[in-house]
Amino acid sequence: MQIEVREPGTGILLRLEAKSENYQGKHGMRIRYPNGANFFIMADSGAWRSADHHHVAPRFLINIGLALEGRAVSEQLVDQPNT
């Protein structure tokens, strides 16, 4: 499935592919960028976590989770610039 995810630090909207997958006995989602780079995430105690040793920023994971839940892009986190 295609998801739209806002990168919190820049506010840029990314179109990513999310595919259900079992990885090392764990069920989760493989998230793939248009350039082919990817990482695996899984739900753990109600929060999404990287499960294949790739660093994924916590606020970006929150936005991915919101997108997977079908929530509006406007509900996703965007960092406020320091003023």
PDB file of N, CA and C in Angstrom:
ATOM      1  N   MET A   1       0.841  -1.163   0.000  1.00  0.00           N
ATOM      2  CA  MET A   1       0.000   0.000   0.000  1.00  0.00           C
ATOM      3  C   MET A   1       0.893   1.235   0.000  1.00  0.00           C
ATOM      4  N   GLN A   2       0.435   2.291  -0.594  1.00  0.00           N
ATOM      5  CA  GLN A   2       1.141   3.559  -0.606  1.00  0.00           C
ATOM      6  C   GLN A   2       0.660   4.403   0.579  1.00  0.00           C
ATOM      7  N   ILE A   3       1.606   5.030   1.270  1.00  0.00           N
ATOM      8  CA  ILE A   3       1.260   5.915   2.384  1.00  0.00           C
ATOM      9  C   ILE A   3       1.971   7.252   2.184  1.00  0.00           C
ATOM     10  N   GLU A   4       1.352   8.301   2.682  1.00  0.00           N
ATOM     11  CA  GLU A   4       1.962   9.621   2.663  1.00  0.00           C
ATOM     12  C   GLU A   4       2.387   9.955   4.080  1.00  0.00           C
ATOM     13  N   VAL A   5       3.685  10.248   4.230  1.00  0.00           N
ATOM     14  CA  VAL A   5       4.256  10.473   5.555  1.00  0.00           C
ATOM     15  C   VAL A   5       5.025  11.792   5.539  1.00  0.00           C
ATOM     16  N   ARG A   6       4.729  12.638   6.504  1.00  0.00           N
ATOM     17  CA  ARG A   6       5.432  13.907   6.630  1.00  0.00           C
ATOM     18  C   ARG A   6       6.700  13.683   7.453  1.00  0.00           C
ATOM     19  N   GLU A   7       7.834  14.158   6.926  1.00  0.00           N
ATOM     20  CA  GLU A   7       9.100  14.109   7.660  1.00  0.00           C
ATOM     21  C   GLU A   7       9.052  15.254   8.663  1.00  0.00           C
ATOM     22  N   PRO A   8       9.017  14.970   9.971  1.00  0.00           N
ATOM     23  CA  PRO A   8       8.787  16.019  10.963  1.00  0.00           C
ATOM     24  C   PRO A   8       9.796  17.168  10.942  1.00  0.00           C
ATOM     25  N   GLY A   9      11.049  16.868  10.694  1.00  0.00           N
ATOM     26  CA  GLY A   9      12.077  17.897  10.741  1.00  0.00           C
ATOM     27  C   GLY A   9      11.990  18.917   9.625  1.00  0.00           C
ATOM     28  N   THR A  10      11.595  18.467   8.435  1.00  0.00           N
ATOM     29  CA  THR A  10      11.556  19.358   7.268  1.00  0.00           C
ATOM     30  C   THR A  10      10.140  19.694   6.831  1.00  0.00           C
ATOM     31  N   GLY A  11       9.168  18.866   7.222  1.00  0.00           N
ATOM     32  CA  GLY A  11       7.795  19.057   6.769  1.00  0.00           C
ATOM     33  C   GLY A  11       7.535  18.495   5.391  1.00  0.00           C
ATOM     34  N   ILE A  12       8.555  17.891   4.765  1.00  0.00           N
ATOM     35  CA  ILE A  12       8.406  17.340   3.419  1.00  0.00           C
ATOM     36  C   ILE A  12       7.490  16.122   3.460  1.00  0.00           C
ATOM     37  N   LEU A  13       6.588  16.046   2.501  1.00  0.00           N
ATOM     38  CA  LEU A  13       5.668  14.921   2.389  1.00  0.00           C
ATOM     39  C   LEU A  13       6.302  13.847   1.516  1.00  0.00           C
ATOM     40  N   LEU A  14       6.440  12.646   2.060  1.00  0.00           N
ATOM     41  CA  LEU A  14       7.036  11.520   1.354  1.00  0.00           C
ATOM     42  C   LEU A  14       5.957  10.506   1.002  1.00  0.00           C
ATOM     43  N   ARG A  15       6.067   9.924  -0.162  1.00  0.00           N
ATOM     44  CA  ARG A  15       5.183   8.823  -0.560  1.00  0.00           C
ATOM     45  C   ARG A  15       5.998   7.539  -0.459  1.00  0.00           C
ATOM     46  N   LEU A  16       5.605   6.695   0.483  1.00  0.00           N
ATOM     47  CA  LEU A  16       6.335   5.471   0.774  1.00  0.00           C
ATOM     48  C   LEU A  16       5.451   4.262   0.511  1.00  0.00           C
ATOM     49  N   GLU A  17       6.082   3.129   0.296  1.00  0.00           N
ATOM     50  CA  GLU A  17       5.353   1.878   0.161  1.00  0.00           C
ATOM     51  C   GLU A  17       5.445   1.131   1.481  1.00  0.00           C
ATOM     52  N   ALA A  18       4.333   0.610   1.956  1.00  0.00           N
ATOM     53  CA  ALA A  18       4.294  -0.180   3.184  1.00  0.00           C
ATOM     54  C   ALA A  18       3.731  -1.549   2.840  1.00  0.00           C
ATOM     55  N   LYS A  19       4.468  -2.582   3.202  1.00  0.00           N
ATOM     56  CA  LYS A  19       4.045  -3.945   2.875  1.00  0.00           C
ATOM     57  C   LYS A  19       4.170  -4.827   4.117  1.00  0.00           C
ATOM     58  N   SER A  20       3.115  -5.558   4.416  1.00  0.00           N
ATOM     59  CA  SER A  20       3.121  -6.488   5.542  1.00  0.00           C
ATOM     60  C   SER A  20       4.189  -7.557   5.310  1.00  0.00           C
ATOM     61  N   GLU A  21       4.910  -7.892   6.397  1.00  0.00           N
ATOM     62  CA  GLU A  21       6.011  -8.844   6.257  1.00  0.00           C
ATOM     63  C   GLU A  21       6.297  -9.522   7.586  1.00  0.00           C
ATOM     64  N   ASN A  22       6.800 -10.730   7.517  1.00  0.00           N
ATOM     65  CA  ASN A  22       7.349 -11.417   8.682  1.00  0.00           C
ATOM     66  C   ASN A  22       8.859 -11.373   8.548  1.00  0.00           C
ATOM     67  N   TYR A  23       9.533 -10.852   9.572  1.00  0.00           N
ATOM     68  CA  TYR A  23      10.979 -10.703   9.558  1.00  0.00           C
ATOM     69  C   TYR A  23      11.528 -11.342  10.822  1.00  0.00           C
ATOM     70  N   GLN A  24      12.325 -12.371  10.660  1.00  0.00           N
ATOM     71  CA  GLN A  24      12.914 -13.096  11.786  1.00  0.00           C
ATOM     72  C   GLN A  24      11.860 -13.473  12.830  1.00  0.00           C
ATOM     73  N   GLY A  25      10.727 -13.961  12.353  1.00  0.00           N
ATOM     74  CA  GLY A  25       9.662 -14.416  13.233  1.00  0.00           C
ATOM     75  C   GLY A  25       8.777 -13.326  13.798  1.00  0.00           C
ATOM     76  N   LYS A  26       8.991 -12.087  13.387  1.00  0.00           N
ATOM     77  CA  LYS A  26       8.189 -10.961  13.875  1.00  0.00           C
ATOM     78  C   LYS A  26       7.340 -10.419  12.739  1.00  0.00           C
ATOM     79  N   HIS A  27       6.081 -10.117  13.053  1.00  0.00           N
ATOM     80  CA  HIS A  27       5.191  -9.535  12.045  1.00  0.00           C
ATOM     81  C   HIS A  27       5.244  -8.017  12.139  1.00  0.00           C
ATOM     82  N   GLY A  28       5.340  -7.380  10.987  1.00  0.00           N
ATOM     83  CA  GLY A  28       5.374  -5.926  10.948  1.00  0.00           C
ATOM     84  C   GLY A  28       5.199  -5.417   9.533  1.00  0.00           C
ATOM     85  N   MET A  29       5.794  -4.283   9.251  1.00  0.00           N
ATOM     86  CA  MET A  29       5.664  -3.650   7.942  1.00  0.00           C
ATOM     87  C   MET A  29       7.045  -3.301   7.402  1.00  0.00           C
ATOM     88  N   ARG A  30       7.259  -3.606   6.143  1.00  0.00           N
ATOM     89  CA  ARG A  30       8.462  -3.185   5.435  1.00  0.00           C
ATOM     90  C   ARG A  30       8.135  -1.839   4.791  1.00  0.00           C
ATOM     91  N   ILE A  31       8.871  -0.813   5.138  1.00  0.00           N
ATOM     92  CA  ILE A  31       8.669   0.535   4.617  1.00  0.00           C
ATOM     93  C   ILE A  31       9.755   0.791   3.578  1.00  0.00           C
ATOM     94  N   ARG A  32       9.327   1.169   2.368  1.00  0.00           N
ATOM     95  CA  ARG A  32      10.273   1.341   1.273  1.00  0.00           C
ATOM     96  C   ARG A  32      10.156   2.743   0.688  1.00  0.00           C
ATOM     97  N   TYR A  33      11.324   3.404   0.559  1.00  0.00           N
ATOM     98  CA  TYR A  33      11.419   4.700  -0.110  1.00  0.00           C
ATOM     99  C   TYR A  33      11.384   4.489  -1.622  1.00  0.00           C
ATOM    100  N   PRO A  34      11.051   5.528  -2.396  1.00  0.00           N
ATOM    101  CA  PRO A  34      11.045   5.394  -3.864  1.00  0.00           C
ATOM    102  C   PRO A  34      12.396   4.952  -4.441  1.00  0.00           C
ATOM    103  N   ASN A  35      13.513   5.280  -3.766  1.00  0.00           N
ATOM    104  CA  ASN A  35      14.830   4.894  -4.285  1.00  0.00           C
ATOM    105  C   ASN A  35      15.199   3.451  -3.940  1.00  0.00           C
ATOM    106  N   GLY A  36      14.308   2.727  -3.252  1.00  0.00           N
ATOM    107  CA  GLY A  36      14.542   1.326  -2.915  1.00  0.00           C
ATOM    108  C   GLY A  36      15.045   1.095  -1.499  1.00  0.00           C
ATOM    109  N   ALA A  37      15.569   2.122  -0.838  1.00  0.00           N
ATOM    110  CA  ALA A  37      16.004   1.968   0.553  1.00  0.00           C
ATOM    111  C   ALA A  37      14.792   1.574   1.388  1.00  0.00           C
ATOM    112  N   ASN A  38      15.019   0.745   2.414  1.00  0.00           N
ATOM    113  CA  ASN A  38      13.875   0.266   3.191  1.00  0.00           C
ATOM    114  C   ASN A  38      14.296  -0.096   4.603  1.00  0.00           C
ATOM    115  N   PHE A  39      13.285  -0.257   5.438  1.00  0.00           N
ATOM    116  CA  PHE A  39      13.496  -0.694   6.807  1.00  0.00           C
ATOM    117  C   PHE A  39      12.237  -1.406   7.274  1.00  0.00           C
ATOM    118  N   PHE A  40      12.369  -2.195   8.332  1.00  0.00           N
ATOM    119  CA  PHE A  40      11.273  -2.982   8.882  1.00  0.00           C
ATOM    120  C   PHE A  40      10.857  -2.394  10.221  1.00  0.00           C
ATOM    121  N   ILE A  41       9.558  -2.219  10.424  1.00  0.00           N
ATOM    122  CA  ILE A  41       9.039  -1.756  11.706  1.00  0.00           C
ATOM    123  C   ILE A  41       7.985  -2.734  12.210  1.00  0.00           C
ATOM    124  N   MET A  42       7.819  -2.729  13.528  1.00  0.00           N
ATOM    125  CA  MET A  42       6.778  -3.575  14.122  1.00  0.00           C
ATOM    126  C   MET A  42       6.164  -2.841  15.298  1.00  0.00           C
ATOM    127  N   ALA A  43       4.924  -3.184  15.593  1.00  0.00           N
ATOM    128  CA  ALA A  43       4.237  -2.592  16.742  1.00  0.00           C
ATOM    129  C   ALA A  43       4.701  -3.313  18.003  1.00  0.00           C
ATOM    130  N   ASP A  44       5.030  -2.517  19.022  1.00  0.00           N
ATOM    131  CA  ASP A  44       5.493  -3.065  20.293  1.00  0.00           C
ATOM    132  C   ASP A  44       4.889  -2.218  21.404  1.00  0.00           C
ATOM    133  N   SER A  45       3.990  -2.801  22.167  1.00  0.00           N
ATOM    134  CA  SER A  45       3.317  -2.096  23.271  1.00  0.00           C
ATOM    135  C   SER A  45       2.631  -0.820  22.805  1.00  0.00           C
ATOM    136  N   GLY A  46       2.007  -0.884  21.633  1.00  0.00           N
ATOM    137  CA  GLY A  46       1.243   0.251  21.124  1.00  0.00           C
ATOM    138  C   GLY A  46       2.044   1.295  20.376  1.00  0.00           C
ATOM    139  N   ALA A  47       3.351   1.077  20.207  1.00  0.00           N
ATOM    140  CA  ALA A  47       4.187   2.030  19.477  1.00  0.00           C
ATOM    141  C   ALA A  47       4.954   1.293  18.385  1.00  0.00           C
ATOM    142  N   TRP A  48       5.208   1.975  17.283  1.00  0.00           N
ATOM    143  CA  TRP A  48       5.992   1.389  16.205  1.00  0.00           C
ATOM    144  C   TRP A  48       7.472   1.548  16.523  1.00  0.00           C
ATOM    145  N   ARG A  49       8.240   0.479  16.254  1.00  0.00           N
ATOM    146  CA  ARG A  49       9.673   0.489  16.515  1.00  0.00           C
ATOM    147  C   ARG A  49      10.412  -0.146  15.337  1.00  0.00           C
ATOM    148  N   SER A  50      11.597   0.369  15.074  1.00  0.00           N
ATOM    149  CA  SER A  50      12.448  -0.247  14.061  1.00  0.00           C
ATOM    150  C   SER A  50      12.888  -1.606  14.582  1.00  0.00           C
ATOM    151  N   ALA A  51      12.836  -2.621  13.739  1.00  0.00           N
ATOM    152  CA  ALA A  51      13.155  -3.965  14.202  1.00  0.00           C
ATOM    153  C   ALA A  51      14.272  -4.622  13.394  1.00  0.00           C
ATOM    154  N   ASP A  52      14.929  -3.862  12.520  1.00  0.00           N
ATOM    155  CA  ASP A  52      16.012  -4.471  11.740  1.00  0.00           C
ATOM    156  C   ASP A  52      17.320  -3.682  11.857  1.00  0.00           C
ATOM    157  N   HIS A  53      17.501  -3.023  12.987  1.00  0.00           N
ATOM    158  CA  HIS A  53      18.733  -2.313  13.330  1.00  0.00           C
ATOM    159  C   HIS A  53      18.969  -1.049  12.508  1.00  0.00           C
ATOM    160  N   HIS A  54      17.965  -0.557  11.807  1.00  0.00           N
ATOM    161  CA  HIS A  54      18.068   0.736  11.129  1.00  0.00           C
ATOM    162  C   HIS A  54      17.572   1.810  12.090  1.00  0.00           C
ATOM    163  N   HIS A  55      18.312   2.901  12.188  1.00  0.00           N
ATOM    164  CA  HIS A  55      17.842   4.000  13.029  1.00  0.00           C
ATOM    165  C   HIS A  55      16.727   4.740  12.289  1.00  0.00           C
ATOM    166  N   VAL A  56      15.605   4.873  12.944  1.00  0.00           N
ATOM    167  CA  VAL A  56      14.485   5.646  12.418  1.00  0.00           C
ATOM    168  C   VAL A  56      14.070   6.602  13.533  1.00  0.00           C
ATOM    169  N   ALA A  57      14.013   7.886  13.216  1.00  0.00           N
ATOM    170  CA  ALA A  57      13.680   8.891  14.224  1.00  0.00           C
ATOM    171  C   ALA A  57      12.306   8.602  14.833  1.00  0.00           C
ATOM    172  N   PRO A  58      12.185   8.709  16.148  1.00  0.00           N
ATOM    173  CA  PRO A  58      10.919   8.389  16.828  1.00  0.00           C
ATOM    174  C   PRO A  58       9.717   9.167  16.291  1.00  0.00           C
ATOM    175  N   ARG A  59       9.872  10.452  16.008  1.00  0.00           N
ATOM    176  CA  ARG A  59       8.735  11.243  15.517  1.00  0.00           C
ATOM    177  C   ARG A  59       8.345  10.822  14.099  1.00  0.00           C
ATOM    178  N   PHE A  60       9.314  10.381  13.292  1.00  0.00           N
ATOM    179  CA  PHE A  60       9.019   9.867  11.958  1.00  0.00           C
ATOM    180  C   PHE A  60       8.235   8.560  12.075  1.00  0.00           C
ATOM    181  N   LEU A  61       8.620   7.709  13.041  1.00  0.00           N
ATOM    182  CA  LEU A  61       7.873   6.464  13.274  1.00  0.00           C
ATOM    183  C   LEU A  61       6.432   6.749  13.685  1.00  0.00           C
ATOM    184  N   ILE A  62       6.241   7.779  14.497  1.00  0.00           N
ATOM    185  CA  ILE A  62       4.873   8.155  14.878  1.00  0.00           C
ATOM    186  C   ILE A  62       4.072   8.511  13.635  1.00  0.00           C
ATOM    187  N   ASN A  63       4.664   9.300  12.743  1.00  0.00           N
ATOM    188  CA  ASN A  63       3.961   9.696  11.522  1.00  0.00           C
ATOM    189  C   ASN A  63       3.673   8.503  10.622  1.00  0.00           C
ATOM    190  N   ILE A  64       4.607   7.558  10.533  1.00  0.00           N
ATOM    191  CA  ILE A  64       4.360   6.350   9.752  1.00  0.00           C
ATOM    192  C   ILE A  64       3.174   5.592  10.350  1.00  0.00           C
ATOM    193  N   GLY A  65       3.147   5.454  11.662  1.00  0.00           N
ATOM    194  CA  GLY A  65       2.034   4.775  12.327  1.00  0.00           C
ATOM    195  C   GLY A  65       0.709   5.455  12.046  1.00  0.00           C
ATOM    196  N   LEU A  66       0.683   6.777  12.103  1.00  0.00           N
ATOM    197  CA  LEU A  66      -0.551   7.512  11.800  1.00  0.00           C
ATOM    198  C   LEU A  66      -0.993   7.254  10.364  1.00  0.00           C
ATOM    199  N   ALA A  67      -0.038   7.237   9.435  1.00  0.00           N
ATOM    200  CA  ALA A  67      -0.367   6.968   8.031  1.00  0.00           C
ATOM    201  C   ALA A  67      -0.904   5.545   7.863  1.00  0.00           C
ATOM    202  N   LEU A  68      -0.299   4.588   8.549  1.00  0.00           N
ATOM    203  CA  LEU A  68      -0.763   3.196   8.460  1.00  0.00           C
ATOM    204  C   LEU A  68      -2.173   3.039   9.025  1.00  0.00           C
ATOM    205  N   GLU A  69      -2.511   3.865  10.008  1.00  0.00           N
ATOM    206  CA  GLU A  69      -3.859   3.844  10.586  1.00  0.00           C
ATOM    207  C   GLU A  69      -4.876   4.549   9.692  1.00  0.00           C
ATOM    208  N   GLY A  70      -4.411   5.179   8.608  1.00  0.00           N
ATOM    209  CA  GLY A  70      -5.323   5.875   7.706  1.00  0.00           C
ATOM    210  C   GLY A  70      -5.681   7.270   8.175  1.00  0.00           C
ATOM    211  N   ARG A  71      -4.911   7.813   9.106  1.00  0.00           N
ATOM    212  CA  ARG A  71      -5.188   9.155   9.615  1.00  0.00           C
ATOM    213  C   ARG A  71      -4.767  10.198   8.595  1.00  0.00           C
ATOM    214  N   ALA A  72      -5.355  11.369   8.651  1.00  0.00           N
ATOM    215  CA  ALA A  72      -5.069  12.458   7.715  1.00  0.00           C
ATOM    216  C   ALA A  72      -3.637  12.957   7.899  1.00  0.00           C
ATOM    217  N   VAL A  73      -3.019  13.369   6.802  1.00  0.00           N
ATOM    218  CA  VAL A  73      -1.663  13.917   6.857  1.00  0.00           C
ATOM    219  C   VAL A  73      -1.603  15.106   7.802  1.00  0.00           C
ATOM    220  N   SER A  74      -2.679  15.864   7.881  1.00  0.00           N
ATOM    221  CA  SER A  74      -2.703  17.044   8.758  1.00  0.00           C
ATOM    222  C   SER A  74      -2.551  16.677  10.231  1.00  0.00           C
ATOM    223  N   GLU A  75      -2.777  15.425  10.604  1.00  0.00           N
ATOM    224  CA  GLU A  75      -2.614  14.977  11.982  1.00  0.00           C
ATOM    225  C   GLU A  75      -1.178  14.578  12.307  1.00  0.00           C
ATOM    226  N   GLN A  76      -0.323  14.499  11.304  1.00  0.00           N
ATOM    227  CA  GLN A  76       1.059  14.080  11.518  1.00  0.00           C
ATOM    228  C   GLN A  76       1.890  15.202  12.134  1.00  0.00           C
ATOM    229  N   LEU A  77       2.935  14.828  12.828  1.00  0.00           N
ATOM    230  CA  LEU A  77       3.803  15.764  13.538  1.00  0.00           C
ATOM    231  C   LEU A  77       4.692  16.546  12.587  1.00  0.00           C
ATOM    232  N   VAL A  78       4.859  17.822  12.865  1.00  0.00           N
ATOM    233  CA  VAL A  78       5.822  18.680  12.172  1.00  0.00           C
ATOM    234  C   VAL A  78       6.513  19.502  13.233  1.00  0.00           C
ATOM    235  N   ASP A  79       7.855  19.477  13.227  1.00  0.00           N
ATOM    236  CA  ASP A  79       8.604  20.270  14.204  1.00  0.00           C
ATOM    237  C   ASP A  79       8.412  21.745  13.929  1.00  0.00           C
ATOM    238  N   GLN A  80       8.303  22.507  14.992  1.00  0.00           N
ATOM    239  CA  GLN A  80       8.183  23.960  14.872  1.00  0.00           C
ATOM    240  C   GLN A  80       9.583  24.555  14.867  1.00  0.00           C
ATOM    241  N   PRO A  81       9.856  25.497  13.958  1.00  0.00           N
ATOM    242  CA  PRO A  81      11.176  26.119  13.950  1.00  0.00           C
ATOM    243  C   PRO A  81      11.411  26.925  15.216  1.00  0.00           C
ATOM    244  N   ASN A  82      12.651  26.973  15.649  1.00  0.00           N
ATOM    245  CA  ASN A  82      13.004  27.785  16.823  1.00  0.00           C
ATOM    246  C   ASN A  82      12.913  29.259  16.457  1.00  0.00           C
ATOM    247  N   THR A  83      12.285  30.038  17.294  1.00  0.00           N
ATOM    248  CA  THR A  83      12.157  31.469  17.006  1.00  0.00           C
ATOM    249  C   THR A  83      12.822  32.289  18.077  1.00  0.00           C
TER     250      THR A  83
END
